Structures are given as structure tokens and as C-alpha cells.
Amino acid sequence: ELEKDNKSLVDVRKLYSKALESIENHELIDDIWAR
């Protein structure tokens, strides 16, 4: 929605970083499998 309206992504980027840090990272094979 923010990209559609050309609005700032600063706050949502912080939420994204926080979500990434909240648990262990996924494995490389998970990324490959999903793609």
C-alpha cells in the first residue's frame, strides 16, 4: 500500500527488521524450495 501511494517505508522497514531478528533465520534450502 505504501509503495502504491509512494509513501515512506521507514517505519515498515523497522518492523521488518524486528520480525527478522525475532527468530532464527530460515535455511538456504527453504528459500530455494519456496522459489
PDB file of all heavy atoms in Angstrom:
ATOM      1  N   GLU A   1       0.828  -1.207   0.000  1.00  0.00           N
ATOM      2  CA  GLU A   1       0.000   0.000   0.000  1.00  0.00           C
ATOM      3  C   GLU A   1       0.861   1.256   0.000  1.00  0.00           C
ATOM      4  O   GLU A   1       0.578   2.215  -0.709  1.00  0.00           O
ATOM      5  CB  GLU A   1      -0.924  -0.008   1.218  1.00  0.00           C
ATOM      6  CG  GLU A   1      -2.052  -1.027   1.148  1.00  0.00           C
ATOM      7  CD  GLU A   1      -2.984  -0.773  -0.025  1.00  0.00           C
ATOM      8  OE1 GLU A   1      -3.311   0.410  -0.278  1.00  0.00           O
ATOM      9  OE2 GLU A   1      -3.386  -1.741  -0.688  1.00  0.00           O
ATOM     10  N   LEU A   2       1.923   1.236   0.797  1.00  0.00           N
ATOM     11  CA  LEU A   2       2.813   2.401   0.866  1.00  0.00           C
ATOM     12  C   LEU A   2       3.535   2.622  -0.459  1.00  0.00           C
ATOM     13  O   LEU A   2       3.708   3.768  -0.899  1.00  0.00           O
ATOM     14  CB  LEU A   2       3.833   2.211   1.996  1.00  0.00           C
ATOM     15  CG  LEU A   2       3.266   2.250   3.423  1.00  0.00           C
ATOM     16  CD1 LEU A   2       4.340   1.873   4.440  1.00  0.00           C
ATOM     17  CD2 LEU A   2       2.700   3.631   3.745  1.00  0.00           C
ATOM     18  N   GLU A   3       3.968   1.541  -1.095  1.00  0.00           N
ATOM     19  CA  GLU A   3       4.641   1.660  -2.399  1.00  0.00           C
ATOM     20  C   GLU A   3       3.674   2.167  -3.457  1.00  0.00           C
ATOM     21  O   GLU A   3       4.059   2.953  -4.331  1.00  0.00           O
ATOM     22  CB  GLU A   3       5.212   0.304  -2.809  1.00  0.00           C
ATOM     23  CG  GLU A   3       6.431  -0.115  -2.006  1.00  0.00           C
ATOM     24  CD  GLU A   3       6.852  -1.549  -2.278  1.00  0.00           C
ATOM     25  OE1 GLU A   3       6.070  -2.304  -2.902  1.00  0.00           O
ATOM     26  OE2 GLU A   3       7.960  -1.917  -1.872  1.00  0.00           O
ATOM     27  N   LYS A   4       2.442   1.725  -3.360  1.00  0.00           N
ATOM     28  CA  LYS A   4       1.427   2.147  -4.321  1.00  0.00           C
ATOM     29  C   LYS A   4       1.184   3.648  -4.242  1.00  0.00           C
ATOM     30  O   LYS A   4       0.975   4.319  -5.261  1.00  0.00           O
ATOM     31  CB  LYS A   4       0.124   1.387  -4.057  1.00  0.00           C
ATOM     32  CG  LYS A   4      -0.986   1.668  -5.052  1.00  0.00           C
ATOM     33  CD  LYS A   4      -2.217   0.836  -4.717  1.00  0.00           C
ATOM     34  CE  LYS A   4      -3.348   1.128  -5.686  1.00  0.00           C
ATOM     35  NZ  LYS A   4      -4.573   0.334  -5.368  1.00  0.00           N
ATOM     36  N   ASP A   5       1.237   4.173  -3.019  1.00  0.00           N
ATOM     37  CA  ASP A   5       0.991   5.606  -2.805  1.00  0.00           C
ATOM     38  C   ASP A   5       2.283   6.412  -2.738  1.00  0.00           C
ATOM     39  O   ASP A   5       2.256   7.606  -2.410  1.00  0.00           O
ATOM     40  CB  ASP A   5       0.208   5.804  -1.504  1.00  0.00           C
ATOM     41  CG  ASP A   5      -1.160   5.141  -1.547  1.00  0.00           C
ATOM     42  OD1 ASP A   5      -1.696   4.994  -2.663  1.00  0.00           O
ATOM     43  OD2 ASP A   5      -1.671   4.745  -0.477  1.00  0.00           O
ATOM     44  N   ASN A   6       3.426   5.750  -3.007  1.00  0.00           N
ATOM     45  CA  ASN A   6       4.734   6.414  -2.966  1.00  0.00           C
ATOM     46  C   ASN A   6       5.015   7.073  -1.616  1.00  0.00           C
ATOM     47  O   ASN A   6       5.526   8.194  -1.546  1.00  0.00           O
ATOM     48  CB  ASN A   6       4.848   7.452  -4.088  1.00  0.00           C
ATOM     49  CG  ASN A   6       4.874   6.815  -5.466  1.00  0.00           C
ATOM     50  OD1 ASN A   6       5.508   5.782  -5.657  1.00  0.00           O
ATOM     51  ND2 ASN A   6       4.170   7.427  -6.403  1.00  0.00           N
ATOM     52  N   LYS A   7       4.675   6.361  -0.546  1.00  0.00           N
ATOM     53  CA  LYS A   7       4.898   6.884   0.803  1.00  0.00           C
ATOM     54  C   LYS A   7       6.157   6.269   1.412  1.00  0.00           C
ATOM     55  O   LYS A   7       6.689   5.286   0.913  1.00  0.00           O
ATOM     56  CB  LYS A   7       3.688   6.598   1.679  1.00  0.00           C
ATOM     57  CG  LYS A   7       2.433   7.356   1.257  1.00  0.00           C
ATOM     58  CD  LYS A   7       1.272   7.082   2.213  1.00  0.00           C
ATOM     59  CE  LYS A   7       0.035   7.860   1.812  1.00  0.00           C
ATOM     60  NZ  LYS A   7      -1.117   7.583   2.716  1.00  0.00           N
ATOM     61  N   SER A   8       6.616   6.863   2.501  1.00  0.00           N
ATOM     62  CA  SER A   8       7.847   6.417   3.151  1.00  0.00           C
ATOM     63  C   SER A   8       7.699   5.005   3.724  1.00  0.00           C
ATOM     64  O   SER A   8       6.656   4.651   4.283  1.00  0.00           O
ATOM     65  CB  SER A   8       8.229   7.380   4.276  1.00  0.00           C
ATOM     66  OG  SER A   8       9.336   6.884   5.000  1.00  0.00           O
ATOM     67  N   LEU A   9       8.790   4.228   3.605  1.00  0.00           N
ATOM     68  CA  LEU A   9       8.800   2.858   4.106  1.00  0.00           C
ATOM     69  C   LEU A   9       9.657   2.708   5.355  1.00  0.00           C
ATOM     70  O   LEU A   9       9.953   1.572   5.769  1.00  0.00           O
ATOM     71  CB  LEU A   9       9.331   1.908   3.019  1.00  0.00           C
ATOM     72  CG  LEU A   9       8.495   1.788   1.747  1.00  0.00           C
ATOM     73  CD1 LEU A   9       9.265   1.015   0.684  1.00  0.00           C
ATOM     74  CD2 LEU A   9       7.175   1.097   2.030  1.00  0.00           C
ATOM     75  N   VAL A  10      10.032   3.819   5.967  1.00  0.00           N
ATOM     76  CA  VAL A  10      10.950   3.785   7.110  1.00  0.00           C
ATOM     77  C   VAL A  10      10.384   2.953   8.249  1.00  0.00           C
ATOM     78  O   VAL A  10      11.050   2.057   8.789  1.00  0.00           O
ATOM     79  CB  VAL A  10      11.268   5.209   7.602  1.00  0.00           C
ATOM     80  CG1 VAL A  10      12.101   5.146   8.885  1.00  0.00           C
ATOM     81  CG2 VAL A  10      12.021   5.976   6.531  1.00  0.00           C
ATOM     82  N   ASP A  11       9.152   3.214   8.619  1.00  0.00           N
ATOM     83  CA  ASP A  11       8.544   2.515   9.766  1.00  0.00           C
ATOM     84  C   ASP A  11       8.345   1.031   9.481  1.00  0.00           C
ATOM     85  O   ASP A  11       8.591   0.175  10.337  1.00  0.00           O
ATOM     86  CB  ASP A  11       7.199   3.160  10.125  1.00  0.00           C
ATOM     87  CG  ASP A  11       7.370   4.547  10.705  1.00  0.00           C
ATOM     88  OD1 ASP A  11       8.462   4.828  11.242  1.00  0.00           O
ATOM     89  OD2 ASP A  11       6.430   5.352  10.619  1.00  0.00           O
ATOM     90  N   VAL A  12       7.890   0.727   8.270  1.00  0.00           N
ATOM     91  CA  VAL A  12       7.625  -0.674   7.934  1.00  0.00           C
ATOM     92  C   VAL A  12       8.933  -1.454   7.784  1.00  0.00           C
ATOM     93  O   VAL A  12       8.995  -2.652   8.062  1.00  0.00           O
ATOM     94  CB  VAL A  12       6.766  -0.773   6.655  1.00  0.00           C
ATOM     95  CG1 VAL A  12       7.583  -0.536   5.407  1.00  0.00           C
ATOM     96  CG2 VAL A  12       6.067  -2.122   6.576  1.00  0.00           C
ATOM     97  N   ARG A  13      10.001  -0.773   7.382  1.00  0.00           N
ATOM     98  CA  ARG A  13      11.315  -1.424   7.325  1.00  0.00           C
ATOM     99  C   ARG A  13      11.790  -1.796   8.728  1.00  0.00           C
ATOM    100  O   ARG A  13      12.412  -2.845   8.924  1.00  0.00           O
ATOM    101  CB  ARG A  13      12.337  -0.504   6.653  1.00  0.00           C
ATOM    102  CG  ARG A  13      12.215  -0.411   5.146  1.00  0.00           C
ATOM    103  CD  ARG A  13      13.268   0.517   4.554  1.00  0.00           C
ATOM    104  NE  ARG A  13      13.095   0.696   3.143  1.00  0.00           N
ATOM    105  CZ  ARG A  13      13.584  -0.109   2.195  1.00  0.00           C
ATOM    106  NH1 ARG A  13      14.281  -1.179   2.563  1.00  0.00           N
ATOM    107  NH2 ARG A  13      13.384   0.144   0.919  1.00  0.00           N
ATOM    108  N   LYS A  14      11.497  -0.954   9.688  1.00  0.00           N
ATOM    109  CA  LYS A  14      11.865  -1.251  11.077  1.00  0.00           C
ATOM    110  C   LYS A  14      11.100  -2.472  11.586  1.00  0.00           C
ATOM    111  O   LYS A  14      11.658  -3.318  12.294  1.00  0.00           O
ATOM    112  CB  LYS A  14      11.578  -0.036  11.959  1.00  0.00           C
ATOM    113  CG  LYS A  14      12.517   1.142  11.718  1.00  0.00           C
ATOM    114  CD  LYS A  14      12.172   2.315  12.631  1.00  0.00           C
ATOM    115  CE  LYS A  14      13.116   3.492  12.390  1.00  0.00           C
ATOM    116  NZ  LYS A  14      12.770   4.656  13.263  1.00  0.00           N
ATOM    117  N   LEU A  15       9.823  -2.534  11.223  1.00  0.00           N
ATOM    118  CA  LEU A  15       9.022  -3.703  11.609  1.00  0.00           C
ATOM    119  C   LEU A  15       9.568  -4.973  10.975  1.00  0.00           C
ATOM    120  O   LEU A  15       9.598  -6.042  11.596  1.00  0.00           O
ATOM    121  CB  LEU A  15       7.558  -3.495  11.183  1.00  0.00           C
ATOM    122  CG  LEU A  15       6.761  -2.429  11.933  1.00  0.00           C
ATOM    123  CD1 LEU A  15       5.373  -2.271  11.308  1.00  0.00           C
ATOM    124  CD2 LEU A  15       6.630  -2.789  13.410  1.00  0.00           C
ATOM    125  N   TYR A  16      10.005  -4.845   9.737  1.00  0.00           N
ATOM    126  CA  TYR A  16      10.574  -5.989   9.014  1.00  0.00           C
ATOM    127  C   TYR A  16      11.860  -6.475   9.694  1.00  0.00           C
ATOM    128  O   TYR A  16      12.039  -7.680   9.914  1.00  0.00           O
ATOM    129  CB  TYR A  16      10.851  -5.578   7.573  1.00  0.00           C
ATOM    130  CG  TYR A  16      11.495  -6.648   6.724  1.00  0.00           C
ATOM    131  CD1 TYR A  16      10.834  -7.832   6.444  1.00  0.00           C
ATOM    132  CD2 TYR A  16      12.759  -6.446   6.178  1.00  0.00           C
ATOM    133  CE1 TYR A  16      11.425  -8.814   5.654  1.00  0.00           C
ATOM    134  CE2 TYR A  16      13.358  -7.412   5.379  1.00  0.00           C
ATOM    135  CZ  TYR A  16      12.681  -8.596   5.116  1.00  0.00           C
ATOM    136  OH  TYR A  16      13.273  -9.555   4.333  1.00  0.00           O
ATOM    137  N   SER A  17      12.730  -5.531  10.037  1.00  0.00           N
ATOM    138  CA  SER A  17      13.983  -5.889  10.714  1.00  0.00           C
ATOM    139  C   SER A  17      13.713  -6.540  12.060  1.00  0.00           C
ATOM    140  O   SER A  17      14.368  -7.517  12.438  1.00  0.00           O
ATOM    141  CB  SER A  17      14.853  -4.638  10.902  1.00  0.00           C
ATOM    142  OG  SER A  17      15.225  -4.085   9.660  1.00  0.00           O
ATOM    143  N   LYS A  18      12.738  -6.011  12.765  1.00  0.00           N
ATOM    144  CA  LYS A  18      12.372  -6.578  14.071  1.00  0.00           C
ATOM    145  C   LYS A  18      11.834  -7.996  13.914  1.00  0.00           C
ATOM    146  O   LYS A  18      12.138  -8.884  14.724  1.00  0.00           O
ATOM    147  CB  LYS A  18      11.324  -5.686  14.745  1.00  0.00           C
ATOM    148  CG  LYS A  18      11.004  -6.070  16.179  1.00  0.00           C
ATOM    149  CD  LYS A  18      10.038  -5.080  16.807  1.00  0.00           C
ATOM    150  CE  LYS A  18       9.718  -5.474  18.250  1.00  0.00           C
ATOM    151  NZ  LYS A  18       8.764  -4.521  18.884  1.00  0.00           N
ATOM    152  N   ALA A  19      11.040  -8.228  12.860  1.00  0.00           N
ATOM    153  CA  ALA A  19      10.491  -9.565  12.610  1.00  0.00           C
ATOM    154  C   ALA A  19      11.599 -10.557  12.267  1.00  0.00           C
ATOM    155  O   ALA A  19      11.568 -11.713  12.684  1.00  0.00           O
ATOM    156  CB  ALA A  19       9.468  -9.502  11.478  1.00  0.00           C
ATOM    157  N   LEU A  20      12.599 -10.093  11.519  1.00  0.00           N
ATOM    158  CA  LEU A  20      13.711 -10.960  11.155  1.00  0.00           C
ATOM    159  C   LEU A  20      14.531 -11.363  12.381  1.00  0.00           C
ATOM    160  O   LEU A  20      15.007 -12.494  12.479  1.00  0.00           O
ATOM    161  CB  LEU A  20      14.629 -10.260  10.139  1.00  0.00           C
ATOM    162  CG  LEU A  20      14.072 -10.000   8.743  1.00  0.00           C
ATOM    163  CD1 LEU A  20      15.136  -9.364   7.864  1.00  0.00           C
ATOM    164  CD2 LEU A  20      13.580 -11.296   8.098  1.00  0.00           C
ATOM    165  N   GLU A  21      14.694 -10.443  13.301  1.00  0.00           N
ATOM    166  CA  GLU A  21      15.525 -10.685  14.476  1.00  0.00           C
ATOM    167  C   GLU A  21      14.803 -11.486  15.556  1.00  0.00           C
ATOM    168  O   GLU A  21      15.435 -11.989  16.483  1.00  0.00           O
ATOM    169  CB  GLU A  21      15.990  -9.348  15.069  1.00  0.00           C
ATOM    170  CG  GLU A  21      16.924  -8.569  14.149  1.00  0.00           C
ATOM    171  CD  GLU A  21      17.188  -7.155  14.662  1.00  0.00           C
ATOM    172  OE1 GLU A  21      16.583  -6.792  15.706  1.00  0.00           O
ATOM    173  OE2 GLU A  21      17.966  -6.422  14.028  1.00  0.00           O
ATOM    174  N   SER A  22      13.492 -11.622  15.426  1.00  0.00           N
ATOM    175  CA  SER A  22      12.711 -12.254  16.492  1.00  0.00           C
ATOM    176  C   SER A  22      12.920 -13.764  16.582  1.00  0.00           C
ATOM    177  O   SER A  22      12.713 -14.356  17.646  1.00  0.00           O
ATOM    178  CB  SER A  22      11.220 -11.955  16.302  1.00  0.00           C
ATOM    179  OG  SER A  22      10.744 -12.512  15.089  1.00  0.00           O
ATOM    180  N   ILE A  23      13.312 -14.389  15.468  1.00  0.00           N
ATOM    181  CA  ILE A  23      13.546 -15.849  15.470  1.00  0.00           C
ATOM    182  C   ILE A  23      14.786 -16.167  14.648  1.00  0.00           C
ATOM    183  O   ILE A  23      15.379 -15.283  14.021  1.00  0.00           O
ATOM    184  CB  ILE A  23      12.337 -16.634  14.901  1.00  0.00           C
ATOM    185  CG1 ILE A  23      12.081 -16.231  13.443  1.00  0.00           C
ATOM    186  CG2 ILE A  23      11.101 -16.437  15.731  1.00  0.00           C
ATOM    187  CD1 ILE A  23      11.101 -17.153  12.736  1.00  0.00           C
ATOM    188  N   GLU A  24      15.160 -17.436  14.645  1.00  0.00           N
ATOM    189  CA  GLU A  24      16.283 -17.898  13.830  1.00  0.00           C
ATOM    190  C   GLU A  24      15.995 -17.672  12.356  1.00  0.00           C
ATOM    191  O   GLU A  24      14.830 -17.573  11.939  1.00  0.00           O
ATOM    192  CB  GLU A  24      16.532 -19.393  14.068  1.00  0.00           C
ATOM    193  CG  GLU A  24      15.359 -20.280  13.627  1.00  0.00           C
ATOM    194  CD  GLU A  24      15.580 -21.745  13.884  1.00  0.00           C
ATOM    195  OE1 GLU A  24      16.407 -22.346  13.171  1.00  0.00           O
ATOM    196  OE2 GLU A  24      14.938 -22.288  14.814  1.00  0.00           O
ATOM    197  N   ASN A  25      17.043 -17.599  11.573  1.00  0.00           N
ATOM    198  CA  ASN A  25      16.860 -17.405  10.130  1.00  0.00           C
ATOM    199  C   ASN A  25      16.489 -18.722   9.455  1.00  0.00           C
ATOM    200  O   ASN A  25      16.810 -19.800   9.955  1.00  0.00           O
ATOM    201  CB  ASN A  25      18.153 -16.852   9.516  1.00  0.00           C
ATOM    202  CG  ASN A  25      17.923 -16.253   8.142  1.00  0.00           C
ATOM    203  OD1 ASN A  25      16.790 -15.996   7.746  1.00  0.00           O
ATOM    204  ND2 ASN A  25      18.994 -16.033   7.406  1.00  0.00           N
ATOM    205  N   HIS A  26      15.815 -18.629   8.341  1.00  0.00           N
ATOM    206  CA  HIS A  26      15.494 -19.828   7.583  1.00  0.00           C
ATOM    207  C   HIS A  26      16.746 -20.354   6.882  1.00  0.00           C
ATOM    208  O   HIS A  26      17.729 -19.640   6.705  1.00  0.00           O
ATOM    209  CB  HIS A  26      14.401 -19.532   6.549  1.00  0.00           C
ATOM    210  CG  HIS A  26      14.723 -18.374   5.648  1.00  0.00           C
ATOM    211  ND1 HIS A  26      14.294 -17.086   5.901  1.00  0.00           N
ATOM    212  CD2 HIS A  26      15.448 -18.297   4.505  1.00  0.00           C
ATOM    213  CE1 HIS A  26      14.727 -16.277   4.966  1.00  0.00           C
ATOM    214  NE2 HIS A  26      15.444 -16.984   4.101  1.00  0.00           N
ATOM    215  N   GLU A  27      16.696 -21.614   6.464  1.00  0.00           N
ATOM    216  CA  GLU A  27      17.812 -22.225   5.758  1.00  0.00           C
ATOM    217  C   GLU A  27      17.775 -21.842   4.279  1.00  0.00           C
ATOM    218  O   GLU A  27      16.721 -21.485   3.739  1.00  0.00           O
ATOM    219  CB  GLU A  27      17.755 -23.751   5.885  1.00  0.00           C
ATOM    220  CG  GLU A  27      17.831 -24.270   7.309  1.00  0.00           C
ATOM    221  CD  GLU A  27      19.195 -24.060   7.944  1.00  0.00           C
ATOM    222  OE1 GLU A  27      20.184 -23.885   7.189  1.00  0.00           O
ATOM    223  OE2 GLU A  27      19.279 -24.044   9.177  1.00  0.00           O
ATOM    224  N   LEU A  28      18.933 -21.937   3.637  1.00  0.00           N
ATOM    225  CA  LEU A  28      19.009 -21.615   2.208  1.00  0.00           C
ATOM    226  C   LEU A  28      18.087 -22.505   1.386  1.00  0.00           C
ATOM    227  O   LEU A  28      17.435 -22.042   0.445  1.00  0.00           O
ATOM    228  CB  LEU A  28      20.455 -21.769   1.716  1.00  0.00           C
ATOM    229  CG  LEU A  28      20.695 -21.537   0.215  1.00  0.00           C
ATOM    230  CD1 LEU A  28      20.277 -20.126  -0.184  1.00  0.00           C
ATOM    231  CD2 LEU A  28      22.162 -21.796  -0.132  1.00  0.00           C
ATOM    232  N   ILE A  29      17.991 -23.778   1.763  1.00  0.00           N
ATOM    233  CA  ILE A  29      17.139 -24.704   1.010  1.00  0.00           C
ATOM    234  C   ILE A  29      15.669 -24.308   1.115  1.00  0.00           C
ATOM    235  O   ILE A  29      14.886 -24.569   0.209  1.00  0.00           O
ATOM    236  CB  ILE A  29      17.348 -26.161   1.498  1.00  0.00           C
ATOM    237  CG1 ILE A  29      16.654 -27.161   0.556  1.00  0.00           C
ATOM    238  CG2 ILE A  29      16.838 -26.335   2.932  1.00  0.00           C
ATOM    239  CD1 ILE A  29      17.190 -27.143  -0.855  1.00  0.00           C
ATOM    240  N   ASP A  30      15.283 -23.642   2.203  1.00  0.00           N
ATOM    241  CA  ASP A  30      13.898 -23.181   2.347  1.00  0.00           C
ATOM    242  C   ASP A  30      13.591 -22.107   1.309  1.00  0.00           C
ATOM    243  O   ASP A  30      12.512 -22.091   0.702  1.00  0.00           O
ATOM    244  CB  ASP A  30      13.661 -22.624   3.754  1.00  0.00           C
ATOM    245  CG  ASP A  30      13.835 -23.675   4.828  1.00  0.00           C
ATOM    246  OD1 ASP A  30      13.477 -24.832   4.573  1.00  0.00           O
ATOM    247  OD2 ASP A  30      14.328 -23.337   5.916  1.00  0.00           O
ATOM    248  N   ASP A  31      14.552 -21.206   1.099  1.00  0.00           N
ATOM    249  CA  ASP A  31      14.387 -20.153   0.100  1.00  0.00           C
ATOM    250  C   ASP A  31      14.321 -20.752  -1.300  1.00  0.00           C
ATOM    251  O   ASP A  31      13.457 -20.377  -2.115  1.00  0.00           O
ATOM    252  CB  ASP A  31      15.548 -19.163   0.195  1.00  0.00           C
ATOM    253  CG  ASP A  31      15.506 -18.107  -0.895  1.00  0.00           C
ATOM    254  OD1 ASP A  31      14.545 -17.313  -0.922  1.00  0.00           O
ATOM    255  OD2 ASP A  31      16.430 -18.073  -1.735  1.00  0.00           O
ATOM    256  N   ILE A  32      15.225 -21.701  -1.579  1.00  0.00           N
ATOM    257  CA  ILE A  32      15.237 -22.346  -2.897  1.00  0.00           C
ATOM    258  C   ILE A  32      13.938 -23.107  -3.128  1.00  0.00           C
ATOM    259  O   ILE A  32      13.323 -23.006  -4.199  1.00  0.00           O
ATOM    260  CB  ILE A  32      16.449 -23.299  -3.010  1.00  0.00           C
ATOM    261  CG1 ILE A  32      17.756 -22.488  -2.992  1.00  0.00           C
ATOM    262  CG2 ILE A  32      16.352 -24.131  -4.288  1.00  0.00           C
ATOM    263  CD1 ILE A  32      19.003 -23.349  -2.949  1.00  0.00           C
ATOM    264  N   TRP A  33      13.525 -23.879  -2.128  1.00  0.00           N
ATOM    265  CA  TRP A  33      12.294 -24.688  -2.243  1.00  0.00           C
ATOM    266  C   TRP A  33      11.090 -23.783  -2.524  1.00  0.00           C
ATOM    267  O   TRP A  33      10.254 -24.083  -3.394  1.00  0.00           O
ATOM    268  CB  TRP A  33      12.087 -25.466  -0.945  1.00  0.00           C
ATOM    269  CG  TRP A  33      11.061 -26.556  -1.011  1.00  0.00           C
ATOM    270  CD1 TRP A  33       9.818 -26.478  -1.555  1.00  0.00           C
ATOM    271  CD2 TRP A  33      11.199 -27.893  -0.518  1.00  0.00           C
ATOM    272  NE1 TRP A  33       9.154 -27.673  -1.404  1.00  0.00           N
ATOM    273  CE2 TRP A  33       9.976 -28.566  -0.782  1.00  0.00           C
ATOM    274  CE3 TRP A  33      12.207 -28.576   0.144  1.00  0.00           C
ATOM    275  CZ2 TRP A  33       9.748 -29.886  -0.413  1.00  0.00           C
ATOM    276  CZ3 TRP A  33      11.988 -29.902   0.514  1.00  0.00           C
ATOM    277  CH2 TRP A  33      10.783 -30.543   0.232  1.00  0.00           C
ATOM    278  N   ALA A  34      10.993 -22.673  -1.792  1.00  0.00           N
ATOM    279  CA  ALA A  34       9.862 -21.756  -1.954  1.00  0.00           C
ATOM    280  C   ALA A  34       9.845 -21.144  -3.352  1.00  0.00           C
ATOM    281  O   ALA A  34       8.778 -21.026  -3.974  1.00  0.00           O
ATOM    282  CB  ALA A  34       9.941 -20.656  -0.895  1.00  0.00           C
ATOM    283  N   ARG A  35      11.013 -20.778  -3.861  1.00  0.00           N
ATOM    284  CA  ARG A  35      11.069 -20.166  -5.192  1.00  0.00           C
ATOM    285  C   ARG A  35      10.806 -21.181  -6.301  1.00  0.00           C
ATOM    286  O   ARG A  35      10.212 -20.845  -7.325  1.00  0.00           O
ATOM    287  CB  ARG A  35      12.418 -19.486  -5.397  1.00  0.00           C
ATOM    288  CG  ARG A  35      12.538 -18.189  -4.589  1.00  0.00           C
ATOM    289  CD  ARG A  35      13.746 -17.370  -4.953  1.00  0.00           C
ATOM    290  NE  ARG A  35      14.983 -17.979  -4.484  1.00  0.00           N
ATOM    291  CZ  ARG A  35      15.960 -18.403  -5.273  1.00  0.00           C
ATOM    292  NH1 ARG A  35      15.845 -18.311  -6.585  1.00  0.00           N
ATOM    293  NH2 ARG A  35      17.054 -18.928  -4.770  1.00  0.00           N
TER     294      ARG A  35
END
